[in-house]
PDB file of N, CA and C in Angstrom:
ATOM      1  N   MET A   1      -9.905  -6.717  12.046  1.00  0.00           N
ATOM      2  CA  MET A   1      -8.766  -6.328  11.106  1.00  0.00           C
ATOM      3  C   MET A   1      -9.225  -5.965   9.751  1.00  0.00           C
ATOM      4  N   LYS A   2      -9.989  -6.794   9.195  1.00  0.00           N
ATOM      5  CA  LYS A   2     -10.269  -6.944   8.053  1.00  0.00           C
ATOM      6  C   LYS A   2     -11.173  -5.351   7.657  1.00  0.00           C
ATOM      7  N   THR A   3     -11.796  -5.038   8.665  1.00  0.00           N
ATOM      8  CA  THR A   3     -12.610  -3.848   8.290  1.00  0.00           C
ATOM      9  C   THR A   3     -11.715  -2.600   8.162  1.00  0.00           C
ATOM     10  N   PHE A   4     -10.889  -2.418   9.445  1.00  0.00           N
ATOM     11  CA  PHE A   4      -9.764  -1.555   9.450  1.00  0.00           C
ATOM     12  C   PHE A   4      -8.851  -1.565   7.819  1.00  0.00           C
ATOM     13  N   LEU A   5      -8.603  -2.485   7.086  1.00  0.00           N
ATOM     14  CA  LEU A   5      -7.520  -2.618   6.193  1.00  0.00           C
ATOM     15  C   LEU A   5      -8.725  -2.374   4.990  1.00  0.00           C
ATOM     16  N   LEU A   6      -9.976  -2.731   4.876  1.00  0.00           N
ATOM     17  CA  LEU A   6     -10.785  -2.272   3.770  1.00  0.00           C
ATOM     18  C   LEU A   6     -11.241  -0.607   3.990  1.00  0.00           C
ATOM     19  N   ILE A   7     -11.211   0.004   5.160  1.00  0.00           N
ATOM     20  CA  ILE A   7     -11.249   1.047   5.037  1.00  0.00           C
ATOM     21  C   ILE A   7      -9.865   1.978   5.000  1.00  0.00           C
ATOM     22  N   MET A   8      -8.940   1.504   5.139  1.00  0.00           N
ATOM     23  CA  MET A   8      -7.578   2.122   4.665  1.00  0.00           C
ATOM     24  C   MET A   8      -7.641   1.985   3.324  1.00  0.00           C
ATOM     25  N   LEU A   9      -8.039   0.805   2.771  1.00  0.00           N
ATOM     26  CA  LEU A   9      -7.667   0.873   1.103  1.00  0.00           C
ATOM     27  C   LEU A   9      -8.752   1.834   0.522  1.00  0.00           C
ATOM     28  N   LEU A  10      -9.917   1.807   1.009  1.00  0.00           N
ATOM     29  CA  LEU A  10     -10.950   2.598   0.114  1.00  0.00           C
ATOM     30  C   LEU A  10     -10.558   4.113   0.525  1.00  0.00           C
ATOM     31  N   ALA A  11      -9.949   4.248   1.526  1.00  0.00           N
ATOM     32  CA  ALA A  11      -9.743   5.859   1.889  1.00  0.00           C
ATOM     33  C   ALA A  11      -8.364   6.198   0.725  1.00  0.00           C
ATOM     34  N   GLY A  12      -7.523   5.291   0.492  1.00  0.00           N
ATOM     35  CA  GLY A  12      -6.393   5.982  -0.438  1.00  0.00           C
ATOM     36  C   GLY A  12      -7.082   5.868  -1.710  1.00  0.00           C
ATOM     37  N   SER A  13      -8.174   5.267  -2.105  1.00  0.00           N
ATOM     38  CA  SER A  13      -8.837   5.252  -3.382  1.00  0.00           C
ATOM     39  C   SER A  13      -9.333   6.440  -3.836  1.00  0.00           C
ATOM     40  N   PHE A  14      -9.754   7.340  -2.728  1.00  0.00           N
ATOM     41  CA  PHE A  14     -10.592   8.306  -3.185  1.00  0.00           C
ATOM     42  C   PHE A  14      -9.822   9.660  -3.328  1.00  0.00           C
ATOM     43  N   GLN A  15      -8.539   9.381  -2.962  1.00  0.00           N
ATOM     44  CA  GLN A  15      -7.434  10.543  -3.191  1.00  0.00           C
ATOM     45  C   GLN A  15      -7.623  10.799  -4.645  1.00  0.00           C
ATOM     46  N   ILE A  16      -7.547  12.138  -5.024  1.00  0.00           N
ATOM     47  CA  ILE A  16      -7.351  12.639  -6.246  1.00  0.00           C
ATOM     48  C   ILE A  16      -6.137  12.660  -6.890  1.00  0.00           C
ATOM     49  N   GLY A  17      -5.693  12.208  -8.211  1.00  0.00           N
ATOM     50  CA  GLY A  17      -4.425  12.056  -8.520  1.00  0.00           C
ATOM     51  C   GLY A  17      -3.280  11.990  -7.710  1.00  0.00           C
ATOM     52  N   ALA A  18      -2.031  11.846  -8.212  1.00  0.00           N
ATOM     53  CA  ALA A  18      -1.095  11.483  -7.402  1.00  0.00           C
ATOM     54  C   ALA A  18      -0.216  12.908  -7.345  1.00  0.00           C
ATOM     55  N   ASN A  19       0.245  13.362  -6.003  1.00  0.00           N
ATOM     56  CA  ASN A  19       0.875  14.466  -5.885  1.00  0.00           C
ATOM     57  C   ASN A  19       2.353  14.431  -6.474  1.00  0.00           C
ATOM     58  N   ASP A  20       2.716  15.349  -7.236  1.00  0.00           N
ATOM     59  CA  ASP A  20       3.921  15.033  -7.894  1.00  0.00           C
ATOM     60  C   ASP A  20       5.039  15.837  -7.258  1.00  0.00           C
ATOM     61  N   ASP A  21       4.497  16.507  -6.229  1.00  0.00           N
ATOM     62  CA  ASP A  21       5.591  17.132  -5.338  1.00  0.00           C
ATOM     63  C   ASP A  21       6.098  16.457  -4.448  1.00  0.00           C
ATOM     64  N   SER A  22       5.512  15.002  -4.131  1.00  0.00           N
ATOM     65  CA  SER A  22       5.963  14.358  -3.089  1.00  0.00           C
ATOM     66  C   SER A  22       7.266  13.711  -3.430  1.00  0.00           C
ATOM     67  N   PRO A  23       8.040  13.281  -2.343  1.00  0.00           N
ATOM     68  CA  PRO A  23       9.195  12.890  -2.732  1.00  0.00           C
ATOM     69  C   PRO A  23       9.194  10.994  -2.908  1.00  0.00           C
ATOM     70  N   LYS A  24      10.236  10.469  -3.725  1.00  0.00           N
ATOM     71  CA  LYS A  24      10.372   9.422  -4.267  1.00  0.00           C
ATOM     72  C   LYS A  24      10.463   8.785  -2.641  1.00  0.00           C
ATOM     73  N   ALA A  25       9.796   7.444  -2.502  1.00  0.00           N
ATOM     74  CA  ALA A  25       9.966   6.982  -1.094  1.00  0.00           C
ATOM     75  C   ALA A  25      11.376   5.899  -1.081  1.00  0.00           C
ATOM     76  N   PRO A  26      12.276   6.261   0.108  1.00  0.00           N
ATOM     77  CA  PRO A  26      13.545   5.485  -0.077  1.00  0.00           C
ATOM     78  C   PRO A  26      13.148   4.105   0.262  1.00  0.00           C
ATOM     79  N   GLN A  27      14.014   3.360  -0.404  1.00  0.00           N
ATOM     80  CA  GLN A  27      14.014   1.948  -0.172  1.00  0.00           C
ATOM     81  C   GLN A  27      13.605   1.377   0.959  1.00  0.00           C
ATOM     82  N   LYS A  28      14.003   1.907   2.261  1.00  0.00           N
ATOM     83  CA  LYS A  28      14.025   1.370   3.331  1.00  0.00           C
ATOM     84  C   LYS A  28      12.103   1.536   3.818  1.00  0.00           C
ATOM     85  N   ALA A  29      11.769   2.861   3.269  1.00  0.00           N
ATOM     86  CA  ALA A  29      10.309   2.876   3.589  1.00  0.00           C
ATOM     87  C   ALA A  29       9.375   1.990   2.719  1.00  0.00           C
ATOM     88  N   VAL A  30       9.937   1.581   1.673  1.00  0.00           N
ATOM     89  CA  VAL A  30       9.159   0.824   0.651  1.00  0.00           C
ATOM     90  C   VAL A  30       9.372  -0.915   1.620  1.00  0.00           C
ATOM     91  N   ASN A  31      10.302  -0.993   1.851  1.00  0.00           N
ATOM     92  CA  ASN A  31      10.451  -2.431   2.582  1.00  0.00           C
ATOM     93  C   ASN A  31       9.590  -2.583   4.007  1.00  0.00           C
ATOM     94  N   GLU A  32       9.580  -1.588   4.480  1.00  0.00           N
ATOM     95  CA  GLU A  32       8.803  -1.612   5.678  1.00  0.00           C
ATOM     96  C   GLU A  32       7.227  -1.737   5.238  1.00  0.00           C
ATOM     97  N   ALA A  33       6.734  -0.779   4.162  1.00  0.00           N
ATOM     98  CA  ALA A  33       5.561  -1.055   3.933  1.00  0.00           C
ATOM     99  C   ALA A  33       5.238  -2.353   3.303  1.00  0.00           C
ATOM    100  N   ILE A  34       6.278  -3.118   2.649  1.00  0.00           N
ATOM    101  CA  ILE A  34       5.920  -4.242   2.100  1.00  0.00           C
ATOM    102  C   ILE A  34       5.899  -5.156   3.265  1.00  0.00           C
ATOM    103  N   GLU A  35       6.553  -5.242   4.424  1.00  0.00           N
ATOM    104  CA  GLU A  35       6.441  -6.033   5.773  1.00  0.00           C
ATOM    105  C   GLU A  35       5.153  -6.003   6.047  1.00  0.00           C
ATOM    106  N   THR A  36       4.684  -4.676   6.403  1.00  0.00           N
ATOM    107  CA  THR A  36       3.361  -4.352   7.035  1.00  0.00           C
ATOM    108  C   THR A  36       2.200  -4.856   6.077  1.00  0.00           C
ATOM    109  N   CYS A  37       2.455  -4.790   5.001  1.00  0.00           N
ATOM    110  CA  CYS A  37       1.350  -5.072   4.033  1.00  0.00           C
ATOM    111  C   CYS A  37       1.458  -6.932   4.032  1.00  0.00           C
ATOM    112  N   THR A  38       2.453  -7.237   3.883  1.00  0.00           N
ATOM    113  CA  THR A  38       2.541  -8.788   4.054  1.00  0.00           C
ATOM    114  C   THR A  38       1.650  -9.438   5.226  1.00  0.00           C
ATOM    115  N   LYS A  39       1.816  -8.744   6.514  1.00  0.00           N
ATOM    116  CA  LYS A  39       1.228  -9.103   7.613  1.00  0.00           C
ATOM    117  C   LYS A  39      -0.091  -8.991   7.480  1.00  0.00           C
ATOM    118  N   TYR A  40      -0.778  -7.992   6.953  1.00  0.00           N
ATOM    119  CA  TYR A  40      -2.135  -7.627   6.668  1.00  0.00           C
ATOM    120  C   TYR A  40      -2.590  -8.730   5.848  1.00  0.00           C
ATOM    121  N   ALA A  41      -1.837  -9.042   4.670  1.00  0.00           N
ATOM    122  CA  ALA A  41      -2.364  -9.962   3.942  1.00  0.00           C
ATOM    123  C   ALA A  41      -2.402 -11.386   4.433  1.00  0.00           C
ATOM    124  N   GLU A  42      -1.534 -11.822   5.115  1.00  0.00           N
ATOM    125  CA  GLU A  42      -1.785 -13.141   6.141  1.00  0.00           C
ATOM    126  C   GLU A  42      -2.884 -12.925   7.113  1.00  0.00           C
ATOM    127  N   GLU A  43      -2.955 -11.972   7.598  1.00  0.00           N
ATOM    128  CA  GLU A  43      -4.141 -12.033   8.777  1.00  0.00           C
ATOM    129  C   GLU A  43      -5.339 -11.760   8.082  1.00  0.00           C
ATOM    130  N   ASP A  44      -5.697 -11.121   6.723  1.00  0.00           N
ATOM    131  CA  ASP A  44      -6.990 -11.269   6.078  1.00  0.00           C
ATOM    132  C   ASP A  44      -6.828 -12.356   5.317  1.00  0.00           C
ATOM    133  N   GLU A  45      -6.127 -13.482   5.118  1.00  0.00           N
ATOM    134  CA  GLU A  45      -6.272 -14.601   4.525  1.00  0.00           C
ATOM    135  C   GLU A  45      -6.573 -14.147   2.834  1.00  0.00           C
ATOM    136  N   VAL A  46      -5.438 -13.099   2.428  1.00  0.00           N
ATOM    137  CA  VAL A  46      -5.786 -12.541   0.888  1.00  0.00           C
ATOM    138  C   VAL A  46      -5.486 -13.758   0.171  1.00  0.00           C
ATOM    139  N   PRO A  47      -6.417 -14.390  -0.928  1.00  0.00           N
ATOM    140  CA  PRO A  47      -5.990 -15.422  -1.784  1.00  0.00           C
ATOM    141  C   PRO A  47      -5.054 -15.009  -2.546  1.00  0.00           C
ATOM    142  N   GLU A  48      -4.334 -15.978  -3.343  1.00  0.00           N
ATOM    143  CA  GLU A  48      -2.908 -16.077  -3.918  1.00  0.00           C
ATOM    144  C   GLU A  48      -3.248 -15.163  -5.190  1.00  0.00           C
ATOM    145  N   THR A  49      -4.382 -15.392  -5.908  1.00  0.00           N
ATOM    146  CA  THR A  49      -5.108 -14.523  -7.121  1.00  0.00           C
ATOM    147  C   THR A  49      -4.966 -13.415  -6.874  1.00  0.00           C
ATOM    148  N   GLU A  50      -5.378 -12.696  -5.704  1.00  0.00           N
ATOM    149  CA  GLU A  50      -5.152 -11.164  -5.355  1.00  0.00           C
ATOM    150  C   GLU A  50      -4.141 -10.832  -4.910  1.00  0.00           C
ATOM    151  N   HIS A  51      -3.262 -11.631  -4.315  1.00  0.00           N
ATOM    152  CA  HIS A  51      -1.995 -11.162  -3.658  1.00  0.00           C
ATOM    153  C   HIS A  51      -1.111  -9.880  -4.179  1.00  0.00           C
ATOM    154  N   LYS A  52      -1.170 -10.053  -5.442  1.00  0.00           N
ATOM    155  CA  LYS A  52      -0.149  -9.003  -6.053  1.00  0.00           C
ATOM    156  C   LYS A  52      -0.774  -7.580  -6.216  1.00  0.00           C
ATOM    157  N   SER A  53      -2.018  -7.820  -6.549  1.00  0.00           N
ATOM    158  CA  SER A  53      -2.674  -6.457  -6.599  1.00  0.00           C
ATOM    159  C   SER A  53      -3.017  -5.657  -5.321  1.00  0.00           C
ATOM    160  N   PHE A  54      -3.493  -6.901  -4.219  1.00  0.00           N
ATOM    161  CA  PHE A  54      -3.619  -6.366  -2.903  1.00  0.00           C
ATOM    162  C   PHE A  54      -2.191  -5.617  -2.429  1.00  0.00           C
ATOM    163  N   MET A  55      -1.069  -6.285  -2.676  1.00  0.00           N
ATOM    164  CA  MET A  55       0.120  -5.774  -2.075  1.00  0.00           C
ATOM    165  C   MET A  55       0.805  -4.463  -2.450  1.00  0.00           C
ATOM    166  N   LEU A  56       0.191  -4.335  -4.048  1.00  0.00           N
ATOM    167  CA  LEU A  56       0.530  -2.986  -4.564  1.00  0.00           C
ATOM    168  C   LEU A  56      -0.373  -1.831  -3.992  1.00  0.00           C
ATOM    169  N   LEU A  57      -1.728  -2.243  -3.999  1.00  0.00           N
ATOM    170  CA  LEU A  57      -2.325  -0.986  -3.507  1.00  0.00           C
ATOM    171  C   LEU A  57      -2.173  -0.921  -1.971  1.00  0.00           C
ATOM    172  N   CYS A  58      -1.845  -1.930  -0.941  1.00  0.00           N
ATOM    173  CA  CYS A  58      -1.574  -1.572   0.247  1.00  0.00           C
ATOM    174  C   CYS A  58      -0.244  -0.912   0.416  1.00  0.00           C
ATOM    175  N   VAL A  59       1.039  -1.247  -0.303  1.00  0.00           N
ATOM    176  CA  VAL A  59       1.953  -0.504  -0.200  1.00  0.00           C
ATOM    177  C   VAL A  59       1.774   0.937  -0.592  1.00  0.00           C
ATOM    178  N   ASN A  60       1.133   1.243  -1.623  1.00  0.00           N
ATOM    179  CA  ASN A  60       0.996   2.382  -2.170  1.00  0.00           C
ATOM    180  C   ASN A  60       0.266   3.380  -1.053  1.00  0.00           C
ATOM    181  N   ASP A  61      -0.673   2.959  -0.558  1.00  0.00           N
ATOM    182  CA  ASP A  61      -1.530   3.533   0.566  1.00  0.00           C
ATOM    183  C   ASP A  61      -0.603   3.785   1.717  1.00  0.00           C
ATOM    184  N   GLU A  62       0.297   2.987   2.086  1.00  0.00           N
ATOM    185  CA  GLU A  62       1.057   3.165   3.008  1.00  0.00           C
ATOM    186  C   GLU A  62       2.003   4.472   2.886  1.00  0.00           C
ATOM    187  N   LEU A  63       2.654   4.259   1.601  1.00  0.00           N
ATOM    188  CA  LEU A  63       3.631   5.147   1.338  1.00  0.00           C
ATOM    189  C   LEU A  63       2.999   6.707   1.118  1.00  0.00           C
ATOM    190  N   GLU A  64       1.867   6.811   0.578  1.00  0.00           N
ATOM    191  CA  GLU A  64       1.174   8.135   0.655  1.00  0.00           C
ATOM    192  C   GLU A  64       0.690   8.403   1.850  1.00  0.00           C
ATOM    193  N   ASP A  65       0.460   7.519   2.793  1.00  0.00           N
ATOM    194  CA  ASP A  65       0.236   8.047   4.161  1.00  0.00           C
ATOM    195  C   ASP A  65       1.399   8.640   4.659  1.00  0.00           C
ATOM    196  N   GLN A  66       2.826   8.613   4.191  1.00  0.00           N
ATOM    197  CA  GLN A  66       3.847   8.994   4.793  1.00  0.00           C
ATOM    198  C   GLN A  66       4.244  10.302   3.846  1.00  0.00           C
ATOM    199  N   GLY A  67       3.531  10.461   3.046  1.00  0.00           N
ATOM    200  CA  GLY A  67       3.948  11.682   2.262  1.00  0.00           C
ATOM    201  C   GLY A  67       4.997  11.439   1.135  1.00  0.00           C
ATOM    202  N   TYR A  68       4.595  10.079   0.714  1.00  0.00           N
ATOM    203  CA  TYR A  68       5.687   9.587  -0.582  1.00  0.00           C
ATOM    204  C   TYR A  68       5.021   9.447  -1.760  1.00  0.00           C
ATOM    205  N   GLN A  69       5.477   9.251  -3.031  1.00  0.00           N
ATOM    206  CA  GLN A  69       4.903   9.264  -4.136  1.00  0.00           C
ATOM    207  C   GLN A  69       4.634   7.470  -4.114  1.00  0.00           C
ATOM    208  N   LYS A  70       3.801   7.080  -5.149  1.00  0.00           N
ATOM    209  CA  LYS A  70       3.412   5.691  -5.398  1.00  0.00           C
ATOM    210  C   LYS A  70       4.190   4.962  -6.024  1.00  0.00           C
ATOM    211  N   VAL A  71       4.768   3.618  -5.978  1.00  0.00           N
ATOM    212  CA  VAL A  71       5.304   2.993  -6.614  1.00  0.00           C
ATOM    213  C   VAL A  71       4.474   2.447  -7.883  1.00  0.00           C
ATOM    214  N   GLU A  72       5.105   2.081  -9.019  1.00  0.00           N
ATOM    215  CA  GLU A  72       4.476   1.488 -10.089  1.00  0.00           C
ATOM    216  C   GLU A  72       4.234   0.087 -10.114  1.00  0.00           C
ATOM    217  N   SER A  73       5.338  -1.011  -9.410  1.00  0.00           N
ATOM    218  CA  SER A  73       5.336  -2.152  -9.106  1.00  0.00           C
ATOM    219  C   SER A  73       6.360  -2.613  -8.064  1.00  0.00           C
ATOM    220  N   LEU A  74       5.897  -3.760  -7.557  1.00  0.00           N
ATOM    221  CA  LEU A  74       6.928  -4.029  -6.743  1.00  0.00           C
ATOM    222  C   LEU A  74       7.861  -5.138  -6.810  1.00  0.00           C
ATOM    223  N   ASP A  75       8.129  -5.201  -8.071  1.00  0.00           N
ATOM    224  CA  ASP A  75       9.390  -6.049  -8.608  1.00  0.00           C
ATOM    225  C   ASP A  75      10.483  -5.799  -8.629  1.00  0.00           C
TER     226      ASP A  75
END
């Protein structure tokens, strides 16, 4: 699972720029991405000190995979 997550995160980091034509994600999509990424963080035992940055990166990767814009924060 760690390898899959690492590949997913690296793949997202190679995308060049944000696609401004992408629609803003509905709250339901953001919530689902947060839920998915929370499970990944638990499975991979992400340290508390890295949890916030991990979650933002993971959620943005999930949203971009669905064709939505990135979010700036999860607050």
